[in-house]
Structure formats: C-alpha cells, structure tokens
Amino acid sequence: MGAYGIDAGRRAANRPTIPQIEAENMIANERTAHALRAIAATMADQKHDHNGDFGYPDHINFPMLYGMWDRNSLAGAGVSRISDTVWREMPRLQEREASHSETAQEKLIRETFDDRRLWQKLAEAHMRSLVGDYGAAILRIADGKAWHEPVESVAGGIKAIWDIIPAWESQLVVSKWEQNPRAANYGQPALYQFNEVQIEDGKPRGTVRSMQIHPDRVLIWSSTGDTFGRSVLRHGFNSLIDYAKVIGAGGEGFWKAARSSMQLEVMPEAKLQDLAAAMGVKIDELPDKLDEAVSDFGKGYDKSLMMQGIKATPVGVTMTAPRQRQN
C-alpha cells in the first residue's frame, strides 16, 4: 500500500461518525439557544426596570425592615402573630420528661426567670429576629470579667445570670472574625460590637452602652442560627409597599373627596381691583393671595371661603373601594 493509501486510511479512521456529528450539533444548538436566552434576558432587563417602575427598593436593609414593621400595620401584625404564637406560654425547664413533682433545681430556675423576666426578654430577642435578619440576646453574667472576655467558670449557678439585653440587628454587629484555620470556631464571630444608639425610635435613653462583647455572652436568634438569616418581612416587602400605597392613597383620596380643592373662575362682573383692596394687597399680588385663601380653606372643615366676583367650584374626586386589596 502506497503512502496515499495510508493517509486516506488515517483520514477515514479519524472522520467523525454520524452519531458524533449529531451530538456535536446538539451541543452547538444548545449553546446557541443558551446564548440567545442570555441576550434576551439582558435586553429585557434593559427595557424594564421593575423595581424602578413600581417603586420597589433594589436592596432591602435593616432600617427599611424596621421602618416597615414600626409603621405598617400589616407588617406589625404578621410579626406579632408569629411571636405571640411561639410565646403563647412561657417555657419550663425540667430535669426529666417523666411526670414528677417540681425539684429544688427546677424551682430555682423558674423563680429566677420569673423574678428577672428572662423569658420575656428572650421572647423580645426572638421578635427582633423576625423583623431583622437576626436578633440577639446579650447575657449579663456575674463572672467578674469584662464583656470582651470569654466565659469560663461561673459561681452561683443560674443566679449568675443578672440580666438579658435584647438587641436589634443594627445594634449588634460582628467586629472581628476568627481567621485561624486551625481554630474550632474558624470563620465564626470572634467579637461583637454592641451600640445601643443604633435604633432611631425617638425614645430617650439614660446611659448609652457601646462595647465589644465576646460570643460566649451572646445568643444569636435567626432562621439560620447565625448573622446570615433572613427577615420574615423580606419575601412580602414589595407587597407591603403596595398595601401602604393603597391605604395611603385611599386615605388621602377620601380626605380630598370630603374636603376637595377649589377651581376658581373669574366672572365677567368681577371687580378685581376692589377684591384686591378688600384683601389688603396690590392687584399684582392678588393671585398669590387667592392661592393662600384657598389653601387655608382646605386645611379644615371649619373654614369659610368668600370671593367677590369669583366662582369657586369644588374639584370632585371619585374613589373606588379598595376591598380586594384589603381582603
């Protein structure tokens, strides 16, 4: 066999078979379709900005979540319903499951938690974890150490827990992470920063605390057990904005319908010079004075509007009942 025959045989052996060609074409078609879908998605994003069109925020932070819970009745009721259901009855700590009379240790724990309202403060920390992505319970432990030091042996048992401080997400943030790969708590918080003034709720406070706290003295409450949880308000945040728009627009609309603005029409017999003199202004200041009079009239039900030669016609507002949204 000559050289030509050897080369031809090699080319025939390396020539792709029909199933191979079909497989390669299928892969190429799938890649093309994926690229076209990506281009279409990019074009759609460029054409429509849903958040911008509908007035939704691009990103949700804690001040938004706190403000929604604090001012929106639906958000507040949703959080309260979960929290109230979970904490319908205060828990009890028992040494064993079987039915038995209360032991001395169980009585000591119950009385300590009742006297210092520790269950109620834990419930408050849980509620704050529903509003934010996480909440926290800071333990005040009588171990004679600073807040930033770890907890070791504690004398006094349960009595050593002096108090529990519920904290919002913005009040307690991670200030230092454990960076040592060989440490048991690698990748976890090594220190927290507690700033009590991080909540702008308008409430007066006495001594404002700001300190570094060791994780041994902090209980994090969240859906994931760490600072990477998610608020229960996130999924429905856009709908809560819609609800606020409907209620706000409805309230404003009903107010406008009850005390609508006025449309002024100057009659042919009007003597504007005399009207300006009666109002104590110059003729060129008359439009501003009329606006002021109409604005003052719209501020309350006990106002009257007197115009000389000018017809005031209420601007009607037609309101639809927002029952579908409210239900």
Protein backbone atom coordinates (compact mmCIF):
# COMPACT_ATOMS: atom_id res chain seq x y z
CA MET A 1 0.00 0.00 0.00
CA GLY A 2 1.40 3.34 -1.00
CA ALA A 3 1.67 6.48 1.12
CA TYR A 4 -1.51 7.84 -0.40
CA GLY A 5 -3.43 4.75 0.69
CA ILE A 6 -2.07 5.04 4.27
CA ASP A 7 -3.07 8.74 4.52
CA ALA A 8 -6.53 8.02 3.16
CA GLY A 9 -7.00 5.25 5.67
CA ARG A 10 -5.98 7.51 8.53
CA ARG A 11 -8.38 10.23 7.36
CA ALA A 12 -11.20 7.70 7.17
CA ALA A 13 -10.44 6.45 10.67
CA ASN A 14 -10.44 9.99 12.08
CA ARG A 15 -13.56 11.06 10.20
CA PRO A 16 -16.46 11.65 12.71
CA THR A 17 -19.37 9.28 12.54
CA ILE A 18 -22.95 10.39 12.02
CA PRO A 19 -23.89 9.97 15.75
CA GLN A 20 -20.86 12.06 16.71
CA ILE A 21 -21.90 14.80 14.27
CA GLU A 22 -25.45 14.79 15.61
CA ALA A 23 -24.18 15.03 19.19
CA GLU A 24 -21.88 17.92 18.34
CA ASN A 25 -24.68 19.72 16.53
CA MET A 26 -26.98 19.21 19.50
CA ILE A 27 -24.37 20.70 21.84
CA ALA A 28 -23.80 23.63 19.48
CA ASN A 29 -27.53 24.26 19.20
CA GLU A 30 -27.92 24.17 22.98
CA ARG A 31 -25.06 26.64 23.41
CA THR A 32 -26.61 28.91 20.80
CA ALA A 33 -30.01 28.73 22.48
CA HIS A 34 -28.43 29.48 25.87
CA ALA A 35 -26.61 32.48 24.41
CA LEU A 36 -29.83 33.75 22.81
CA ARG A 37 -31.70 33.38 26.10
CA ALA A 38 -28.98 35.32 27.89
CA ILE A 39 -29.15 38.08 25.27
CA ALA A 40 -32.95 38.20 25.52
CA ALA A 41 -32.78 38.39 29.30
CA THR A 42 -30.25 41.22 29.08
CA MET A 43 -32.44 43.11 26.61
CA ALA A 44 -35.48 42.57 28.82
CA ASP A 45 -33.62 43.92 31.85
CA GLN A 46 -32.60 46.96 29.83
CA LYS A 47 -36.16 47.54 28.68
CA HIS A 48 -37.89 47.11 32.05
CA ASP A 49 -36.71 48.13 35.49
CA HIS A 50 -39.46 46.62 37.61
CA ASN A 51 -38.14 47.99 40.88
CA GLY A 52 -37.88 51.47 39.41
CA ASP A 53 -41.23 51.21 37.62
CA PHE A 54 -43.13 50.06 40.70
CA GLY A 55 -41.24 51.99 43.36
CA TYR A 56 -39.56 48.98 44.98
CA PRO A 57 -36.06 49.23 46.50
CA ASP A 58 -33.23 47.39 44.75
CA HIS A 59 -31.83 46.27 48.09
CA ILE A 60 -33.50 45.91 51.48
CA ASN A 61 -31.55 46.86 54.60
CA PHE A 62 -32.40 46.80 58.28
CA PRO A 63 -33.66 50.41 58.57
CA MET A 64 -36.21 49.59 55.83
CA LEU A 65 -37.32 46.43 57.62
CA TYR A 66 -37.54 48.19 60.98
CA GLY A 67 -39.47 51.11 59.48
CA MET A 68 -41.89 48.75 57.75
CA TRP A 69 -42.56 46.84 60.98
CA ASP A 70 -42.84 50.03 63.02
CA ARG A 71 -45.20 51.93 60.70
CA ASN A 72 -47.05 49.33 58.61
CA SER A 73 -49.93 47.69 60.48
CA LEU A 74 -49.92 44.58 58.28
CA ALA A 75 -46.18 44.00 58.82
CA GLY A 76 -46.52 44.58 62.55
CA ALA A 77 -49.47 42.22 62.82
CA GLY A 78 -47.64 39.49 60.88
CA VAL A 79 -44.60 39.63 63.15
CA SER A 80 -46.76 39.78 66.29
CA ARG A 81 -48.81 36.79 65.22
CA ILE A 82 -45.72 34.60 64.84
CA SER A 83 -44.12 35.83 68.04
CA ASP A 84 -47.30 35.62 70.11
CA THR A 85 -47.97 32.08 68.86
CA VAL A 86 -44.47 30.87 69.71
CA TRP A 87 -44.51 32.51 73.13
CA ARG A 88 -48.16 31.87 73.99
CA GLU A 89 -46.95 30.15 77.14
CA MET A 90 -43.62 30.71 78.83
CA PRO A 91 -41.40 27.59 78.69
CA ARG A 92 -40.44 25.47 81.69
CA LEU A 93 -37.13 23.72 82.25
CA GLN A 94 -37.37 20.22 83.68
CA GLU A 95 -34.69 17.76 84.72
CA ARG A 96 -36.55 14.80 83.18
CA GLU A 97 -39.53 14.21 80.89
CA ALA A 98 -41.49 11.86 83.09
CA SER A 99 -44.20 13.35 85.29
CA HIS A 100 -42.78 14.39 88.65
CA SER A 101 -43.04 16.99 91.36
CA GLU A 102 -41.02 20.16 90.90
CA THR A 103 -37.46 19.65 92.07
CA ALA A 104 -35.44 22.20 94.01
CA GLN A 105 -33.32 23.00 90.92
CA GLU A 106 -36.40 23.42 88.72
CA LYS A 107 -37.96 25.75 91.29
CA LEU A 108 -34.78 27.82 91.48
CA ILE A 109 -34.68 28.22 87.68
CA ARG A 110 -38.39 29.08 87.48
CA GLU A 111 -38.19 31.69 90.22
CA THR A 112 -35.03 33.25 88.79
CA PHE A 113 -36.52 33.51 85.30
CA ASP A 114 -39.76 34.93 86.70
CA ASP A 115 -38.11 37.46 89.01
CA ARG A 116 -35.78 38.77 86.30
CA ARG A 117 -38.26 38.38 83.44
CA LEU A 118 -35.71 36.41 81.44
CA TRP A 119 -38.29 34.54 79.34
CA GLN A 120 -39.93 37.81 78.33
CA LYS A 121 -36.58 39.24 77.27
CA LEU A 122 -35.78 36.12 75.26
CA ALA A 123 -39.18 36.47 73.58
CA GLU A 124 -38.30 40.07 72.72
CA ALA A 125 -35.00 38.93 71.18
CA HIS A 126 -36.90 36.35 69.11
CA MET A 127 -39.36 39.00 67.91
CA ARG A 128 -36.46 41.23 66.84
CA SER A 129 -35.03 38.35 64.83
CA LEU A 130 -38.27 38.20 62.85
CA VAL A 131 -38.06 41.88 61.93
CA GLY A 132 -34.36 41.93 61.07
CA ASP A 133 -32.24 39.22 59.51
CA TYR A 134 -31.23 38.30 63.05
CA GLY A 135 -31.73 39.40 66.64
CA ALA A 136 -29.65 38.83 69.72
CA ALA A 137 -29.85 38.25 73.46
CA ILE A 138 -26.86 39.62 75.36
CA LEU A 139 -26.20 37.83 78.65
CA ARG A 140 -25.09 39.83 81.68
CA ILE A 141 -23.15 37.24 83.65
CA ALA A 142 -21.70 37.82 87.09
CA ASP A 143 -18.30 36.24 86.45
CA GLY A 144 -16.14 39.25 87.33
CA LYS A 145 -14.79 39.56 83.78
CA ALA A 146 -15.01 42.25 81.11
CA TRP A 147 -17.59 41.99 78.33
CA HIS A 148 -14.95 41.16 75.69
CA GLU A 149 -13.52 38.23 77.67
CA PRO A 150 -14.75 34.61 77.30
CA VAL A 151 -16.93 33.00 79.94
CA GLU A 152 -15.22 30.29 81.99
CA SER A 153 -16.25 29.00 85.40
CA VAL A 154 -19.16 30.89 86.95
CA ALA A 155 -20.07 30.69 90.61
CA GLY A 156 -23.69 30.93 91.70
CA GLY A 157 -25.30 28.79 89.01
CA ILE A 158 -28.40 30.25 87.38
CA LYS A 159 -28.27 33.20 89.79
CA ALA A 160 -25.13 34.37 87.95
CA ILE A 161 -27.30 35.49 85.01
CA TRP A 162 -28.12 39.01 86.12
CA ASP A 163 -29.97 40.14 83.04
CA ILE A 164 -30.62 39.62 79.34
CA ILE A 165 -30.43 42.55 76.91
CA PRO A 166 -32.46 42.07 73.68
CA ALA A 167 -30.67 43.62 70.70
CA TRP A 168 -31.69 44.53 67.17
CA GLU A 169 -29.62 43.58 64.13
CA SER A 170 -28.17 47.07 63.75
CA GLN A 171 -27.25 47.26 67.43
CA LEU A 172 -25.06 44.16 67.43
CA VAL A 173 -22.67 43.57 64.52
CA VAL A 174 -19.64 41.33 64.08
CA SER A 175 -16.50 43.38 64.66
CA LYS A 176 -13.96 40.57 64.33
CA TRP A 177 -13.99 37.15 62.67
CA GLU A 178 -11.86 34.17 63.66
CA GLN A 179 -9.21 33.87 60.92
CA ASN A 180 -7.18 30.94 62.24
CA PRO A 181 -7.99 27.85 60.11
CA ARG A 182 -6.97 25.55 62.98
CA ALA A 183 -9.31 27.15 65.50
CA ALA A 184 -12.51 25.30 66.41
CA ASN A 185 -14.55 28.46 65.72
CA TYR A 186 -12.81 29.27 62.41
CA GLY A 187 -14.98 31.52 60.24
CA GLN A 188 -17.25 32.44 63.15
CA PRO A 189 -17.50 35.74 65.05
CA ALA A 190 -14.65 36.35 67.49
CA LEU A 191 -16.09 39.63 68.82
CA TYR A 192 -19.31 41.63 68.51
CA GLN A 193 -19.75 45.39 68.69
CA PHE A 194 -22.81 46.50 70.64
CA ASN A 195 -24.11 50.04 70.00
CA GLU A 196 -27.33 50.75 71.80
CA VAL A 197 -28.00 54.04 69.97
CA GLN A 198 -28.26 52.41 66.54
CA ILE A 199 -32.08 52.43 66.71
CA GLU A 200 -33.65 55.79 65.86
CA ASP A 201 -37.00 55.29 67.53
CA GLY A 202 -37.17 58.68 69.25
CA LYS A 203 -37.13 57.14 72.73
CA PRO A 204 -34.99 58.84 75.40
CA ARG A 205 -32.25 56.74 76.94
CA GLY A 206 -30.09 57.12 80.00
CA THR A 207 -26.67 55.51 79.92
CA VAL A 208 -25.88 54.56 76.32
CA ARG A 209 -23.82 51.39 76.03
CA SER A 210 -21.15 50.83 73.37
CA MET A 211 -18.75 47.95 73.88
CA GLN A 212 -17.02 44.87 72.48
CA ILE A 213 -18.68 41.61 73.54
CA HIS A 214 -17.34 38.06 73.41
CA PRO A 215 -19.56 35.49 71.60
CA ASP A 216 -19.85 33.47 74.84
CA ARG A 217 -22.08 36.27 76.13
CA VAL A 218 -24.32 36.49 73.05
CA LEU A 219 -27.19 34.32 71.83
CA ILE A 220 -27.97 34.93 68.14
CA TRP A 221 -31.57 34.39 67.05
CA SER A 222 -32.23 33.85 63.33
CA SER A 223 -33.61 31.35 60.83
CA THR A 224 -30.07 30.00 60.32
CA GLY A 225 -28.73 30.38 63.85
CA ASP A 226 -26.14 32.96 62.80
CA THR A 227 -25.98 36.52 61.43
CA PHE A 228 -26.88 35.36 57.90
CA GLY A 229 -30.59 34.75 58.48
CA ARG A 230 -33.47 36.39 56.64
CA SER A 231 -36.24 38.58 57.97
CA VAL A 232 -39.78 37.23 57.62
CA LEU A 233 -40.68 40.58 56.04
CA ARG A 234 -38.34 40.21 53.05
CA HIS A 235 -40.49 37.96 50.85
CA GLY A 236 -43.55 40.18 51.21
CA PHE A 237 -41.75 43.53 51.31
CA ASN A 238 -42.92 44.65 47.86
CA SER A 239 -46.49 43.66 48.67
CA LEU A 240 -46.30 45.63 51.92
CA ILE A 241 -45.27 48.67 49.89
CA ASP A 242 -48.27 48.11 47.61
CA TYR A 243 -50.53 47.83 50.65
CA ALA A 244 -49.16 51.09 52.05
CA LYS A 245 -49.77 52.79 48.68
CA VAL A 246 -53.39 51.61 48.55
CA ILE A 247 -54.14 52.60 52.15
CA GLY A 248 -52.29 55.90 51.88
CA ALA A 249 -53.85 56.83 48.55
CA GLY A 250 -57.27 55.76 49.81
CA GLY A 251 -56.99 57.87 52.94
CA GLU A 252 -55.78 60.88 51.02
CA GLY A 253 -58.45 60.34 48.37
CA PHE A 254 -61.29 60.17 50.90
CA TRP A 255 -59.95 63.33 52.56
CA LYS A 256 -59.82 65.07 49.20
CA ALA A 257 -63.36 63.91 48.44
CA ALA A 258 -64.59 65.23 51.78
CA ARG A 259 -62.66 68.49 51.53
CA SER A 260 -61.76 68.83 47.88
CA SER A 261 -59.70 71.60 46.34
CA MET A 262 -61.35 74.52 44.58
CA GLN A 263 -61.34 75.60 40.97
CA LEU A 264 -61.65 79.38 40.68
CA GLU A 265 -63.46 81.02 37.76
CA VAL A 266 -63.39 84.81 37.36
CA MET A 267 -66.86 86.02 36.43
CA PRO A 268 -67.37 88.83 33.88
CA GLU A 269 -68.75 91.19 36.52
CA ALA A 270 -65.78 90.66 38.84
CA LYS A 271 -64.02 93.80 40.02
CA LEU A 272 -60.52 92.57 40.74
CA GLN A 273 -59.31 95.96 41.90
CA ASP A 274 -61.99 96.09 44.58
CA LEU A 275 -61.24 92.48 45.57
CA ALA A 276 -57.54 93.26 45.93
CA ALA A 277 -58.36 96.28 48.08
CA ALA A 278 -60.66 94.15 50.25
CA MET A 279 -57.88 91.66 50.76
CA GLY A 280 -55.38 94.39 51.50
CA VAL A 281 -52.99 93.64 48.64
CA LYS A 282 -51.98 95.18 45.34
CA ILE A 283 -53.55 93.96 42.13
CA ASP A 284 -50.40 92.10 41.06
CA GLU A 285 -50.34 90.28 44.42
CA LEU A 286 -53.94 89.11 44.10
CA PRO A 287 -53.24 85.63 42.58
CA ASP A 288 -50.91 84.72 45.45
CA LYS A 289 -53.44 85.97 47.98
CA LEU A 290 -56.20 83.90 46.38
CA ASP A 291 -53.97 80.79 46.50
CA GLU A 292 -53.33 81.48 50.17
CA ALA A 293 -57.06 81.84 50.88
CA VAL A 294 -57.94 78.60 49.06
CA SER A 295 -55.07 76.74 50.78
CA ASP A 296 -56.26 77.95 54.18
CA PHE A 297 -59.81 76.90 53.31
CA GLY A 298 -58.68 73.35 52.53
CA LYS A 299 -56.96 72.85 55.90
CA GLY A 300 -60.10 72.26 57.92
CA TYR A 301 -63.85 71.84 57.96
CA ASP A 302 -64.48 74.99 59.97
CA LYS A 303 -63.10 77.33 57.32
CA SER A 304 -65.13 79.58 55.02
CA LEU A 305 -64.27 80.99 51.61
CA MET A 306 -65.60 84.36 50.47
CA MET A 307 -64.89 85.57 46.94
CA GLN A 308 -66.17 88.74 45.25
CA GLY A 309 -66.95 88.10 41.60
CA ILE A 310 -65.09 84.78 41.58
CA LYS A 311 -66.88 81.44 41.38
CA ALA A 312 -65.33 78.62 43.45
CA THR A 313 -66.20 75.12 42.22
CA PRO A 314 -65.11 72.01 44.21
CA VAL A 315 -62.97 69.55 42.24
CA GLY A 316 -64.66 66.16 42.66
CA VAL A 317 -62.64 63.01 43.41
CA THR A 318 -64.09 59.58 42.57
CA MET A 319 -62.78 56.83 44.83
CA THR A 320 -63.09 53.09 44.32
CA ALA A 321 -63.34 50.89 47.40
CA PRO A 322 -60.01 49.01 47.87
CA ARG A 323 -61.71 45.93 49.31
CA GLN A 324 -59.89 43.48 47.08
CA ARG A 325 -56.52 44.73 48.30
CA GLN A 326 -57.54 44.81 51.93
CA ASN A 327 -59.05 41.35 51.90
